[in-house]
Amino acid sequence: QVQVVESGGGLVQAGGSLRLSCTASGLTFDSYAMGWFRQAPGKEREGVSCITWTGGTTYYADSVKARFKISRDNAKNTLYLQMNSLKPEDTAMYFCAAAQSRYCTGSWSQEANFGYWGQGTQVTVSS
């Protein structure tokens, strides 16, 4: 049984930092690209970042470029999202997901490209 579990969310002031973690079990972690998504209240879930199976290529939404960094440790079956210079508009539930291939496709931010999802971790940024 595949399990994807996020952690590391919390309450932080604007300008602060958080590091999210995601562990995956029940699948061959290093065979999948991995992604982070987020969903703010009243809004659709949106793609934040994606990383290929080796970690060699990463993709970011324009809204988080230069502030967020995605990484992975395949030996630990763990995905990370380092979030710096946080803004109130970053407030959302953050989800980790395993893609349906080793690569982040051209439409990497589409939910349909991801097959296994975690339950999410809440990030709240106060102004």
Protein backbone atom coordinates (compact mmCIF):
# COMPACT_ATOMS: atom_id res chain seq x y z
CA GLN A 1 0.00 0.00 0.00
CA VAL A 2 1.37 3.37 -1.03
CA GLN A 3 1.59 6.01 1.66
CA VAL A 4 2.61 9.62 1.15
CA VAL A 5 2.96 11.74 4.26
CA GLU A 6 3.78 15.44 4.46
CA SER A 7 5.15 17.27 7.48
CA GLY A 8 6.77 20.54 8.44
CA GLY A 9 3.90 22.96 8.02
CA GLY A 10 3.05 25.59 10.58
CA LEU A 11 2.53 29.24 11.32
CA VAL A 12 5.24 31.68 10.31
CA GLN A 13 5.52 35.44 9.92
CA ALA A 14 5.89 37.03 6.52
CA GLY A 15 9.51 36.94 5.43
CA GLY A 16 10.16 33.76 7.36
CA SER A 17 11.07 30.27 6.21
CA LEU A 18 9.74 26.73 6.49
CA ARG A 19 10.93 23.39 5.18
CA LEU A 20 8.34 20.83 4.23
CA SER A 21 9.14 17.15 4.06
CA CYS A 22 7.34 14.29 2.38
CA THR A 23 8.06 10.62 2.87
CA ALA A 24 6.71 7.97 0.54
CA SER A 25 6.48 4.24 1.15
CA GLY A 26 5.07 1.33 -0.77
CA LEU A 27 6.52 2.51 -4.04
CA THR A 28 9.94 2.65 -5.67
CA PHE A 29 10.56 6.26 -4.77
CA ASP A 30 13.42 6.86 -7.17
CA SER A 31 11.31 5.72 -10.12
CA TYR A 32 8.99 8.69 -9.86
CA ALA A 33 9.16 12.38 -10.40
CA MET A 34 7.68 14.15 -7.38
CA GLY A 35 5.72 17.33 -6.99
CA TRP A 36 4.38 19.83 -4.52
CA PHE A 37 0.94 21.36 -4.89
CA ARG A 38 -1.00 23.78 -2.73
CA GLN A 39 -4.60 24.77 -2.23
CA ALA A 40 -5.73 27.96 -0.58
CA PRO A 41 -9.25 28.33 0.82
CA GLY A 42 -11.74 28.90 -1.96
CA LYS A 43 -9.18 28.29 -4.68
CA GLU A 44 -8.23 25.41 -6.92
CA ARG A 45 -5.20 23.29 -6.17
CA GLU A 46 -2.17 24.56 -8.05
CA GLY A 47 1.22 23.12 -8.91
CA VAL A 48 4.10 24.62 -6.96
CA SER A 49 7.12 22.60 -8.04
CA CYS A 50 8.25 19.35 -9.62
CA ILE A 51 11.51 17.40 -9.54
CA THR A 52 12.60 14.56 -11.80
CA TRP A 53 13.50 11.11 -10.51
CA THR A 54 17.21 11.87 -10.22
CA GLY A 55 16.68 15.34 -8.89
CA GLY A 56 18.53 16.69 -11.86
CA THR A 57 15.78 18.94 -13.19
CA THR A 58 13.33 21.09 -11.29
CA TYR A 59 10.35 23.22 -12.22
CA TYR A 60 8.61 25.99 -10.34
CA ALA A 61 5.48 28.05 -10.57
CA ASP A 62 6.29 31.67 -11.37
CA SER A 63 4.83 32.75 -8.05
CA VAL A 64 7.47 30.85 -6.05
CA LYS A 65 10.54 30.99 -8.27
CA ALA A 66 13.66 32.23 -6.48
CA ARG A 67 11.95 31.76 -3.10
CA PHE A 68 11.24 28.02 -2.96
CA LYS A 69 13.58 25.12 -3.61
CA ILE A 70 12.55 21.52 -4.19
CA SER A 71 14.94 18.67 -3.49
CA ARG A 72 14.90 14.95 -2.81
CA ASP A 73 16.90 12.30 -1.02
CA ASN A 74 16.23 9.01 -2.75
CA ALA A 75 18.13 7.06 -0.11
CA LYS A 76 15.60 8.29 2.45
CA ASN A 77 12.52 8.20 0.19
CA THR A 78 12.01 11.83 1.10
CA LEU A 79 11.05 14.95 -0.80
CA TYR A 80 11.64 18.47 0.51
CA LEU A 81 10.40 21.97 -0.16
CA GLN A 82 12.47 24.78 1.30
CA MET A 83 10.32 27.90 1.41
CA ASN A 84 11.98 31.26 2.01
CA SER A 85 10.71 34.84 2.01
CA LEU A 86 7.22 33.59 2.70
CA LYS A 87 4.28 35.83 1.91
CA PRO A 88 0.71 35.79 3.23
CA GLU A 89 -0.43 34.64 -0.21
CA ASP A 90 1.60 31.45 0.29
CA THR A 91 -0.91 30.41 2.94
CA ALA A 92 -2.41 27.10 1.83
CA MET A 93 -2.55 23.39 2.39
CA TYR A 94 0.53 21.90 0.77
CA PHE A 95 0.39 18.48 -0.83
CA CYS A 96 3.09 16.11 -1.99
CA ALA A 97 2.45 13.79 -4.92
CA ALA A 98 4.22 11.13 -6.95
CA ALA A 99 4.08 11.61 -10.70
CA GLN A 100 3.09 8.91 -13.14
CA SER A 101 6.53 8.92 -14.73
CA ARG A 102 10.15 9.64 -13.94
CA TYR A 103 9.92 13.03 -15.55
CA CYS A 104 8.04 16.26 -15.02
CA THR A 105 6.14 16.60 -18.26
CA GLY A 106 5.46 19.86 -20.02
CA SER A 107 2.17 20.03 -18.16
CA TRP A 108 3.77 19.10 -14.82
CA SER A 109 1.45 21.37 -12.86
CA GLN A 110 -1.62 19.37 -13.84
CA GLU A 111 -2.96 17.12 -11.10
CA ALA A 112 -3.80 14.40 -13.59
CA ASN A 113 -0.08 13.74 -14.06
CA PHE A 114 0.24 12.60 -10.45
CA GLY A 115 -1.02 9.32 -9.11
CA TYR A 116 -0.29 9.17 -5.39
CA TRP A 117 -1.14 11.99 -3.00
CA GLY A 118 -0.60 12.82 0.63
CA GLN A 119 -3.13 14.36 2.99
CA GLY A 120 -1.38 17.70 3.12
CA THR A 121 0.28 19.95 5.66
CA GLN A 122 -1.01 23.43 6.49
CA VAL A 123 1.19 26.47 5.98
CA THR A 124 -0.03 29.77 7.36
CA VAL A 125 1.88 33.00 6.81
CA SER A 126 0.88 35.95 8.93
CA SER A 127 1.39 39.54 7.84
